[in-house]
Amino acid sequence: MKVLVTGNEGMIGSVVEKVLRADGCEVIGFDIANGHNILNRNEIASALKGCDAVVCSSCSATWTL
């Protein structure tokens, strides 16, 4: 099974990725730490090609003070 994991470099996503890999899944990581942008539709669409499932553990927030 091929799984896209957004936020795979974070606390939750990194654990999810390890568990999926241990279960034999092919994991596609997608994280801003690696230059990916969750808000870019074309980038997400490209990453989703061929995936059977998605785990979304990313977060996007705008902070104003």
PDB file of N, CA and C in Angstrom:
ATOM      1  N   MET A   1       0.843  -1.166   0.000  1.00  0.00           N
ATOM      2  CA  MET A   1       0.000   0.000   0.000  1.00  0.00           C
ATOM      3  C   MET A   1       0.895   1.238   0.000  1.00  0.00           C
ATOM      4  N   LYS A   2       0.552   2.211  -0.815  1.00  0.00           N
ATOM      5  CA  LYS A   2       1.289   3.459  -0.913  1.00  0.00           C
ATOM      6  C   LYS A   2       0.500   4.540  -0.181  1.00  0.00           C
ATOM      7  N   VAL A   3       1.159   5.197   0.801  1.00  0.00           N
ATOM      8  CA  VAL A   3       0.480   6.160   1.667  1.00  0.00           C
ATOM      9  C   VAL A   3       1.220   7.491   1.662  1.00  0.00           C
ATOM     10  N   LEU A   4       0.477   8.560   1.422  1.00  0.00           N
ATOM     11  CA  LEU A   4       1.024   9.906   1.542  1.00  0.00           C
ATOM     12  C   LEU A   4       0.844  10.357   2.981  1.00  0.00           C
ATOM     13  N   VAL A   5       1.936  10.771   3.625  1.00  0.00           N
ATOM     14  CA  VAL A   5       1.873  11.273   4.997  1.00  0.00           C
ATOM     15  C   VAL A   5       2.307  12.732   4.975  1.00  0.00           C
ATOM     16  N   THR A   6       1.360  13.633   5.218  1.00  0.00           N
ATOM     17  CA  THR A   6       1.720  15.040   5.318  1.00  0.00           C
ATOM     18  C   THR A   6       2.187  15.316   6.737  1.00  0.00           C
ATOM     19  N   GLY A   7       3.162  16.216   6.858  1.00  0.00           N
ATOM     20  CA  GLY A   7       3.708  16.510   8.172  1.00  0.00           C
ATOM     21  C   GLY A   7       4.564  15.389   8.716  1.00  0.00           C
ATOM     22  N   ASN A   8       5.186  14.639   7.818  1.00  0.00           N
ATOM     23  CA  ASN A   8       5.933  13.444   8.237  1.00  0.00           C
ATOM     24  C   ASN A   8       7.213  13.748   9.011  1.00  0.00           C
ATOM     25  N   GLU A   9       7.616  15.000   9.099  1.00  0.00           N
ATOM     26  CA  GLU A   9       8.804  15.363   9.873  1.00  0.00           C
ATOM     27  C   GLU A   9       8.437  15.813  11.292  1.00  0.00           C
ATOM     28  N   GLY A  10       7.153  15.945  11.577  1.00  0.00           N
ATOM     29  CA  GLY A  10       6.710  16.403  12.895  1.00  0.00           C
ATOM     30  C   GLY A  10       6.615  15.277  13.907  1.00  0.00           C
ATOM     31  N   MET A  11       6.171  15.629  15.109  1.00  0.00           N
ATOM     32  CA  MET A  11       6.100  14.658  16.207  1.00  0.00           C
ATOM     33  C   MET A  11       5.171  13.493  15.889  1.00  0.00           C
ATOM     34  N   ILE A  12       3.992  13.774  15.389  1.00  0.00           N
ATOM     35  CA  ILE A  12       3.012  12.721  15.107  1.00  0.00           C
ATOM     36  C   ILE A  12       3.307  12.053  13.771  1.00  0.00           C
ATOM     37  N   GLY A  13       3.522  12.860  12.741  1.00  0.00           N
ATOM     38  CA  GLY A  13       3.753  12.314  11.410  1.00  0.00           C
ATOM     39  C   GLY A  13       4.958  11.408  11.313  1.00  0.00           C
ATOM     40  N   SER A  14       6.015  11.725  12.053  1.00  0.00           N
ATOM     41  CA  SER A  14       7.218  10.881  11.999  1.00  0.00           C
ATOM     42  C   SER A  14       6.955   9.505  12.600  1.00  0.00           C
ATOM     43  N   VAL A  15       6.150   9.449  13.639  1.00  0.00           N
ATOM     44  CA  VAL A  15       5.793   8.160  14.248  1.00  0.00           C
ATOM     45  C   VAL A  15       4.870   7.382  13.315  1.00  0.00           C
ATOM     46  N   VAL A  16       3.908   8.068  12.728  1.00  0.00           N
ATOM     47  CA  VAL A  16       2.994   7.425  11.769  1.00  0.00           C
ATOM     48  C   VAL A  16       3.805   6.821  10.623  1.00  0.00           C
ATOM     49  N   GLU A  17       4.763   7.572  10.109  1.00  0.00           N
ATOM     50  CA  GLU A  17       5.594   7.075   9.019  1.00  0.00           C
ATOM     51  C   GLU A  17       6.351   5.809   9.426  1.00  0.00           C
ATOM     52  N   LYS A  18       6.952   5.809  10.599  1.00  0.00           N
ATOM     53  CA  LYS A  18       7.697   4.635  11.071  1.00  0.00           C
ATOM     54  C   LYS A  18       6.799   3.409  11.195  1.00  0.00           C
ATOM     55  N   VAL A  19       5.605   3.591  11.731  1.00  0.00           N
ATOM     56  CA  VAL A  19       4.665   2.476  11.900  1.00  0.00           C
ATOM     57  C   VAL A  19       4.231   1.938  10.544  1.00  0.00           C
ATOM     58  N   LEU A  20       3.920   2.824   9.619  1.00  0.00           N
ATOM     59  CA  LEU A  20       3.507   2.394   8.283  1.00  0.00           C
ATOM     60  C   LEU A  20       4.625   1.626   7.579  1.00  0.00           C
ATOM     61  N   ARG A  21       5.833   2.147   7.670  1.00  0.00           N
ATOM     62  CA  ARG A  21       6.979   1.457   7.039  1.00  0.00           C
ATOM     63  C   ARG A  21       7.208   0.089   7.668  1.00  0.00           C
ATOM     64  N   ALA A  22       7.066   0.008   8.992  1.00  0.00           N
ATOM     65  CA  ALA A  22       7.229  -1.274   9.692  1.00  0.00           C
ATOM     66  C   ALA A  22       6.185  -2.288   9.253  1.00  0.00           C
ATOM     67  N   ASP A  23       5.014  -1.785   8.844  1.00  0.00           N
ATOM     68  CA  ASP A  23       3.942  -2.657   8.353  1.00  0.00           C
ATOM     69  C   ASP A  23       4.081  -2.968   6.869  1.00  0.00           C
ATOM     70  N   GLY A  24       5.138  -2.476   6.252  1.00  0.00           N
ATOM     71  CA  GLY A  24       5.400  -2.791   4.854  1.00  0.00           C
ATOM     72  C   GLY A  24       4.843  -1.811   3.848  1.00  0.00           C
ATOM     73  N   CYS A  25       4.362  -0.675   4.301  1.00  0.00           N
ATOM     74  CA  CYS A  25       3.800   0.325   3.392  1.00  0.00           C
ATOM     75  C   CYS A  25       4.916   1.152   2.750  1.00  0.00           C
ATOM     76  N   GLU A  26       4.645   1.586   1.548  1.00  0.00           N
ATOM     77  CA  GLU A  26       5.501   2.572   0.888  1.00  0.00           C
ATOM     78  C   GLU A  26       4.983   3.937   1.319  1.00  0.00           C
ATOM     79  N   VAL A  27       5.836   4.755   1.912  1.00  0.00           N
ATOM     80  CA  VAL A  27       5.410   6.050   2.434  1.00  0.00           C
ATOM     81  C   VAL A  27       5.988   7.179   1.597  1.00  0.00           C
ATOM     82  N   ILE A  28       5.113   8.092   1.211  1.00  0.00           N
ATOM     83  CA  ILE A  28       5.516   9.314   0.534  1.00  0.00           C
ATOM     84  C   ILE A  28       5.403  10.425   1.567  1.00  0.00           C
ATOM     85  N   GLY A  29       6.532  10.999   1.962  1.00  0.00           N
ATOM     86  CA  GLY A  29       6.537  12.063   2.949  1.00  0.00           C
ATOM     87  C   GLY A  29       6.328  13.418   2.294  1.00  0.00           C
ATOM     88  N   PHE A  30       5.598  14.286   2.974  1.00  0.00           N
ATOM     89  CA  PHE A  30       5.286  15.608   2.441  1.00  0.00           C
ATOM     90  C   PHE A  30       5.299  16.586   3.613  1.00  0.00           C
ATOM     91  N   ASP A  31       6.371  17.378   3.703  1.00  0.00           N
ATOM     92  CA  ASP A  31       6.524  18.251   4.866  1.00  0.00           C
ATOM     93  C   ASP A  31       7.203  19.547   4.466  1.00  0.00           C
ATOM     94  N   ILE A  32       6.785  20.630   5.090  1.00  0.00           N
ATOM     95  CA  ILE A  32       7.392  21.937   4.816  1.00  0.00           C
ATOM     96  C   ILE A  32       8.887  21.931   5.134  1.00  0.00           C
ATOM     97  N   ALA A  33       9.302  21.101   6.073  1.00  0.00           N
ATOM     98  CA  ALA A  33      10.721  20.990   6.432  1.00  0.00           C
ATOM     99  C   ALA A  33      11.558  20.505   5.248  1.00  0.00           C
ATOM    100  N   ASN A  34      10.909  19.841   4.290  1.00  0.00           N
ATOM    101  CA  ASN A  34      11.590  19.357   3.090  1.00  0.00           C
ATOM    102  C   ASN A  34      11.259  20.204   1.866  1.00  0.00           C
ATOM    103  N   GLY A  35      10.661  21.383   2.106  1.00  0.00           N
ATOM    104  CA  GLY A  35      10.357  22.297   1.004  1.00  0.00           C
ATOM    105  C   GLY A  35       8.994  22.118   0.368  1.00  0.00           C
ATOM    106  N   HIS A  36       8.175  21.224   0.893  1.00  0.00           N
ATOM    107  CA  HIS A  36       6.838  21.022   0.339  1.00  0.00           C
ATOM    108  C   HIS A  36       5.864  22.051   0.892  1.00  0.00           C
ATOM    109  N   ASN A  37       4.831  22.350   0.115  1.00  0.00           N
ATOM    110  CA  ASN A  37       3.836  23.336   0.528  1.00  0.00           C
ATOM    111  C   ASN A  37       2.445  22.711   0.456  1.00  0.00           C
ATOM    112  N   ILE A  38       1.847  22.459   1.614  1.00  0.00           N
ATOM    113  CA  ILE A  38       0.527  21.829   1.700  1.00  0.00           C
ATOM    114  C   ILE A  38      -0.559  22.681   1.044  1.00  0.00           C
ATOM    115  N   LEU A  39      -0.296  23.978   0.881  1.00  0.00           N
ATOM    116  CA  LEU A  39      -1.285  24.875   0.286  1.00  0.00           C
ATOM    117  C   LEU A  39      -1.187  24.944  -1.236  1.00  0.00           C
ATOM    118  N   ASN A  40      -0.199  24.272  -1.814  1.00  0.00           N
ATOM    119  CA  ASN A  40      -0.011  24.264  -3.256  1.00  0.00           C
ATOM    120  C   ASN A  40      -0.734  23.059  -3.860  1.00  0.00           C
ATOM    121  N   ARG A  41      -1.855  23.328  -4.522  1.00  0.00           N
ATOM    122  CA  ARG A  41      -2.682  22.239  -5.077  1.00  0.00           C
ATOM    123  C   ARG A  41      -1.935  21.354  -6.061  1.00  0.00           C
ATOM    124  N   ASN A  42      -1.118  21.947  -6.903  1.00  0.00           N
ATOM    125  CA  ASN A  42      -0.383  21.158  -7.900  1.00  0.00           C
ATOM    126  C   ASN A  42       0.631  20.232  -7.238  1.00  0.00           C
ATOM    127  N   GLU A  43       1.272  20.726  -6.199  1.00  0.00           N
ATOM    128  CA  GLU A  43       2.254  19.913  -5.483  1.00  0.00           C
ATOM    129  C   GLU A  43       1.589  18.725  -4.784  1.00  0.00           C
ATOM    130  N   ILE A  44       0.455  18.978  -4.157  1.00  0.00           N
ATOM    131  CA  ILE A  44      -0.296  17.904  -3.488  1.00  0.00           C
ATOM    132  C   ILE A  44      -0.799  16.896  -4.518  1.00  0.00           C
ATOM    133  N   ALA A  45      -1.362  17.399  -5.620  1.00  0.00           N
ATOM    134  CA  ALA A  45      -1.886  16.509  -6.666  1.00  0.00           C
ATOM    135  C   ALA A  45      -0.791  15.591  -7.199  1.00  0.00           C
ATOM    136  N   SER A  46       0.395  16.137  -7.379  1.00  0.00           N
ATOM    137  CA  SER A  46       1.517  15.335  -7.866  1.00  0.00           C
ATOM    138  C   SER A  46       1.917  14.263  -6.845  1.00  0.00           C
ATOM    139  N   ALA A  47       1.948  14.648  -5.570  1.00  0.00           N
ATOM    140  CA  ALA A  47       2.328  13.704  -4.514  1.00  0.00           C
ATOM    141  C   ALA A  47       1.292  12.594  -4.338  1.00  0.00           C
ATOM    142  N   LEU A  48       0.035  12.893  -4.625  1.00  0.00           N
ATOM    143  CA  LEU A  48      -1.051  11.920  -4.443  1.00  0.00           C
ATOM    144  C   LEU A  48      -1.115  10.839  -5.516  1.00  0.00           C
ATOM    145  N   LYS A  49      -0.464  11.058  -6.636  1.00  0.00           N
ATOM    146  CA  LYS A  49      -0.546  10.100  -7.745  1.00  0.00           C
ATOM    147  C   LYS A  49      -0.099   8.717  -7.304  1.00  0.00           C
ATOM    148  N   GLY A  50      -0.975   7.751  -7.482  1.00  0.00           N
ATOM    149  CA  GLY A  50      -0.666   6.369  -7.160  1.00  0.00           C
ATOM    150  C   GLY A  50      -0.849   5.996  -5.695  1.00  0.00           C
ATOM    151  N   CYS A  51      -1.243   6.964  -4.869  1.00  0.00           N
ATOM    152  CA  CYS A  51      -1.421   6.669  -3.438  1.00  0.00           C
ATOM    153  C   CYS A  51      -2.760   5.980  -3.179  1.00  0.00           C
ATOM    154  N   ASP A  52      -2.740   5.063  -2.235  1.00  0.00           N
ATOM    155  CA  ASP A  52      -3.950   4.350  -1.823  1.00  0.00           C
ATOM    156  C   ASP A  52      -4.615   5.002  -0.624  1.00  0.00           C
ATOM    157  N   ALA A  53      -3.841   5.787   0.129  1.00  0.00           N
ATOM    158  CA  ALA A  53      -4.368   6.411   1.339  1.00  0.00           C
ATOM    159  C   ALA A  53      -3.564   7.664   1.668  1.00  0.00           C
ATOM    160  N   VAL A  54      -4.155   8.508   2.505  1.00  0.00           N
ATOM    161  CA  VAL A  54      -3.507   9.731   2.970  1.00  0.00           C
ATOM    162  C   VAL A  54      -3.661   9.830   4.484  1.00  0.00           C
ATOM    163  N   VAL A  55      -2.564  10.167   5.164  1.00  0.00           N
ATOM    164  CA  VAL A  55      -2.616  10.507   6.590  1.00  0.00           C
ATOM    165  C   VAL A  55      -2.186  11.965   6.671  1.00  0.00           C
ATOM    166  N   CYS A  56      -3.079  12.802   7.142  1.00  0.00           N
ATOM    167  CA  CYS A  56      -2.790  14.228   7.225  1.00  0.00           C
ATOM    168  C   CYS A  56      -2.445  14.589   8.666  1.00  0.00           C
ATOM    169  N   SER A  57      -1.157  14.828   8.904  1.00  0.00           N
ATOM    170  CA  SER A  57      -0.731  15.262  10.229  1.00  0.00           C
ATOM    171  C   SER A  57      -0.022  16.607  10.146  1.00  0.00           C
ATOM    172  N   SER A  58      -0.271  17.307   9.041  1.00  0.00           N
ATOM    173  CA  SER A  58       0.331  18.634   8.884  1.00  0.00           C
ATOM    174  C   SER A  58      -0.607  19.696   9.430  1.00  0.00           C
ATOM    175  N   CYS A  59      -0.047  20.850   9.636  1.00  0.00           N
ATOM    176  CA  CYS A  59      -0.814  21.967  10.175  1.00  0.00           C
ATOM    177  C   CYS A  59      -0.411  23.227   9.432  1.00  0.00           C
ATOM    178  N   SER A  60      -1.371  24.021   9.089  1.00  0.00           N
ATOM    179  CA  SER A  60      -1.089  25.306   8.469  1.00  0.00           C
ATOM    180  C   SER A  60      -1.857  26.360   9.235  1.00  0.00           C
ATOM    181  N   ALA A  61      -1.152  27.343   9.714  1.00  0.00           N
ATOM    182  CA  ALA A  61      -1.810  28.374  10.515  1.00  0.00           C
ATOM    183  C   ALA A  61      -1.226  29.745  10.168  1.00  0.00           C
ATOM    184  N   THR A  62      -2.066  30.730  10.289  1.00  0.00           N
ATOM    185  CA  THR A  62      -1.640  32.108  10.137  1.00  0.00           C
ATOM    186  C   THR A  62      -1.749  32.769  11.501  1.00  0.00           C
ATOM    187  N   TRP A  63      -0.659  33.342  11.957  1.00  0.00           N
ATOM    188  CA  TRP A  63      -0.637  33.962  13.273  1.00  0.00           C
ATOM    189  C   TRP A  63      -0.609  35.471  13.138  1.00  0.00           C
ATOM    190  N   THR A  64      -1.465  36.132  13.849  1.00  0.00           N
ATOM    191  CA  THR A  64      -1.438  37.598  13.907  1.00  0.00           C
ATOM    192  C   THR A  64      -1.400  38.030  15.352  1.00  0.00           C
ATOM    193  N   LEU A  65      -0.649  39.035  15.610  1.00  0.00           N
ATOM    194  CA  LEU A  65      -0.544  39.562  16.970  1.00  0.00           C
ATOM    195  C   LEU A  65      -1.139  40.937  17.037  1.00  0.00           C
TER     196      LEU A  65
END
